[in-house]
Amino acid sequence: MWYIVENNKILCYNLAQGGVSKIIYSPLRYPGGKSKLYSFVKLMIQKNEIDNGVYMEPFVGGAGIALSLLIHKDVQKIVINDYDKAIYSF
């Protein structure tokens, strides 16, 4: 499995499953599952009429929400942080 940026999307290529599949994934494999909240966060941004916003997350983990917001152009910029230096140095 490897990751590549293509058309402003982070794609996961997996040959182990008998072919190449393009799926948007975070390159930071980190447990937590906050990416399921993407739709809710996007709705809050829309309801509050935030244009060209900056999304900040103090405990980013796998960055699922932050990257989804950036890739789908819901926000202009993301600022991430985490306890793990390997995460916030990404």
C-alpha atoms as a PDB file:
ATOM      1  CA  MET A   1       0.000   0.000   0.000  1.00  0.00           C
ATOM      2  CA  TRP A   2       1.284   3.446  -0.830  1.00  0.00           C
ATOM      3  CA  TYR A   3      -0.024   7.003  -0.817  1.00  0.00           C
ATOM      4  CA  ILE A   4       0.115   9.576  -3.578  1.00  0.00           C
ATOM      5  CA  VAL A   5      -1.350  13.045  -4.038  1.00  0.00           C
ATOM      6  CA  GLU A   6      -3.375  13.246  -7.241  1.00  0.00           C
ATOM      7  CA  ASN A   7      -5.648  16.157  -8.180  1.00  0.00           C
ATOM      8  CA  ASN A   8      -5.387  17.557  -4.626  1.00  0.00           C
ATOM      9  CA  LYS A   9      -6.543  14.235  -3.131  1.00  0.00           C
ATOM     10  CA  ILE A  10      -4.527  11.833  -1.022  1.00  0.00           C
ATOM     11  CA  LEU A  11      -5.082   8.436  -2.574  1.00  0.00           C
ATOM     12  CA  CYS A  12      -4.277   4.998  -1.243  1.00  0.00           C
ATOM     13  CA  TYR A  13      -3.101   2.462  -3.818  1.00  0.00           C
ATOM     14  CA  ASN A  14      -3.401  -1.138  -2.671  1.00  0.00           C
ATOM     15  CA  LEU A  15      -2.147  -3.900  -4.967  1.00  0.00           C
ATOM     16  CA  ALA A  16      -2.581  -6.664  -2.379  1.00  0.00           C
ATOM     17  CA  GLN A  17      -6.304  -6.861  -3.105  1.00  0.00           C
ATOM     18  CA  GLY A  18      -5.864  -7.867  -6.751  1.00  0.00           C
ATOM     19  CA  GLY A  19      -5.862  -4.429  -8.327  1.00  0.00           C
ATOM     20  CA  VAL A  20      -5.368  -0.767  -7.772  1.00  0.00           C
ATOM     21  CA  SER A  21      -8.077   0.953  -5.777  1.00  0.00           C
ATOM     22  CA  LYS A  22      -8.221   4.712  -5.318  1.00  0.00           C
ATOM     23  CA  ILE A  23      -9.594   5.625  -1.915  1.00  0.00           C
ATOM     24  CA  ILE A  24      -9.078   8.872  -0.023  1.00  0.00           C
ATOM     25  CA  TYR A  25      -7.212   8.009   3.167  1.00  0.00           C
ATOM     26  CA  SER A  26      -5.100   9.880   5.633  1.00  0.00           C
ATOM     27  CA  PRO A  27      -1.429   8.888   5.392  1.00  0.00           C
ATOM     28  CA  LEU A  28      -1.429   9.031   9.206  1.00  0.00           C
ATOM     29  CA  ARG A  29      -2.793   5.686  10.322  1.00  0.00           C
ATOM     30  CA  TYR A  30      -3.925   6.484  13.829  1.00  0.00           C
ATOM     31  CA  PRO A  31      -6.840   5.030  15.787  1.00  0.00           C
ATOM     32  CA  GLY A  32      -9.671   7.294  16.852  1.00  0.00           C
ATOM     33  CA  GLY A  33     -12.197   7.468  14.069  1.00  0.00           C
ATOM     34  CA  LYS A  34     -13.017  11.188  14.245  1.00  0.00           C
ATOM     35  CA  SER A  35     -13.273  11.244  10.440  1.00  0.00           C
ATOM     36  CA  LYS A  36     -16.871  10.060  10.861  1.00  0.00           C
ATOM     37  CA  LEU A  37     -17.606  13.562  12.174  1.00  0.00           C
ATOM     38  CA  TYR A  38     -16.603  15.213   8.884  1.00  0.00           C
ATOM     39  CA  SER A  39     -20.205  15.738   7.722  1.00  0.00           C
ATOM     40  CA  PHE A  40     -21.137  17.319  11.060  1.00  0.00           C
ATOM     41  CA  VAL A  41     -18.134  19.669  11.072  1.00  0.00           C
ATOM     42  CA  LYS A  42     -18.816  20.619   7.440  1.00  0.00           C
ATOM     43  CA  LEU A  43     -22.436  21.392   8.334  1.00  0.00           C
ATOM     44  CA  MET A  44     -21.323  23.601  11.251  1.00  0.00           C
ATOM     45  CA  ILE A  45     -19.001  25.524   8.928  1.00  0.00           C
ATOM     46  CA  GLN A  46     -21.858  26.049   6.463  1.00  0.00           C
ATOM     47  CA  LYS A  47     -24.426  26.995   9.131  1.00  0.00           C
ATOM     48  CA  ASN A  48     -22.052  29.576  10.580  1.00  0.00           C
ATOM     49  CA  GLU A  49     -21.338  30.943   7.090  1.00  0.00           C
ATOM     50  CA  ILE A  50     -17.571  30.579   7.460  1.00  0.00           C
ATOM     51  CA  ASP A  51     -15.763  31.270   4.190  1.00  0.00           C
ATOM     52  CA  ASN A  52     -12.038  30.703   3.686  1.00  0.00           C
ATOM     53  CA  GLY A  53     -11.801  29.437   7.251  1.00  0.00           C
ATOM     54  CA  VAL A  54      -8.913  27.898   9.143  1.00  0.00           C
ATOM     55  CA  TYR A  55      -9.579  24.573  10.893  1.00  0.00           C
ATOM     56  CA  MET A  56      -7.460  23.974  14.000  1.00  0.00           C
ATOM     57  CA  GLU A  57      -7.307  20.659  15.792  1.00  0.00           C
ATOM     58  CA  PRO A  58      -5.280  20.211  19.003  1.00  0.00           C
ATOM     59  CA  PHE A  59      -5.390  16.376  18.984  1.00  0.00           C
ATOM     60  CA  VAL A  60      -5.307  15.530  15.302  1.00  0.00           C
ATOM     61  CA  GLY A  61      -4.619  11.773  15.448  1.00  0.00           C
ATOM     62  CA  GLY A  62      -5.087  10.517  11.883  1.00  0.00           C
ATOM     63  CA  ALA A  63      -6.141  13.970  10.616  1.00  0.00           C
ATOM     64  CA  GLY A  64      -9.251  12.523   8.966  1.00  0.00           C
ATOM     65  CA  ILE A  65     -11.459  15.557   9.556  1.00  0.00           C
ATOM     66  CA  ALA A  66      -8.753  18.128   8.865  1.00  0.00           C
ATOM     67  CA  LEU A  67      -7.614  16.544   5.598  1.00  0.00           C
ATOM     68  CA  SER A  68     -11.176  15.964   4.380  1.00  0.00           C
ATOM     69  CA  LEU A  69     -12.063  19.608   5.032  1.00  0.00           C
ATOM     70  CA  LEU A  70      -8.965  20.766   3.169  1.00  0.00           C
ATOM     71  CA  ILE A  71      -9.310  18.343   0.237  1.00  0.00           C
ATOM     72  CA  HIS A  72     -12.981  19.228  -0.281  1.00  0.00           C
ATOM     73  CA  LYS A  73     -12.140  22.956   0.019  1.00  0.00           C
ATOM     74  CA  ASP A  74     -14.433  23.445   3.013  1.00  0.00           C
ATOM     75  CA  VAL A  75     -11.585  25.378   4.656  1.00  0.00           C
ATOM     76  CA  GLN A  76      -8.654  27.273   3.212  1.00  0.00           C
ATOM     77  CA  LYS A  77      -6.045  26.077   5.705  1.00  0.00           C
ATOM     78  CA  ILE A  78      -5.596  23.533   8.498  1.00  0.00           C
ATOM     79  CA  VAL A  79      -3.462  23.766  11.634  1.00  0.00           C
ATOM     80  CA  ILE A  80      -2.764  20.462  13.370  1.00  0.00           C
ATOM     81  CA  ASN A  81      -1.159  19.455  16.647  1.00  0.00           C
ATOM     82  CA  ASP A  82      -0.823  16.266  18.654  1.00  0.00           C
ATOM     83  CA  TYR A  83       1.027  14.864  21.641  1.00  0.00           C
ATOM     84  CA  ASP A  84       2.965  12.594  19.253  1.00  0.00           C
ATOM     85  CA  LYS A  85       5.812  14.554  17.611  1.00  0.00           C
ATOM     86  CA  ALA A  86       5.668  12.312  14.529  1.00  0.00           C
ATOM     87  CA  ILE A  87       2.079  13.460  13.956  1.00  0.00           C
ATOM     88  CA  TYR A  88       2.463  17.215  14.385  1.00  0.00           C
ATOM     89  CA  SER A  89       5.726  17.213  12.385  1.00  0.00           C
ATOM     90  CA  PHE A  90       3.872  15.848   9.359  1.00  0.00           C
END
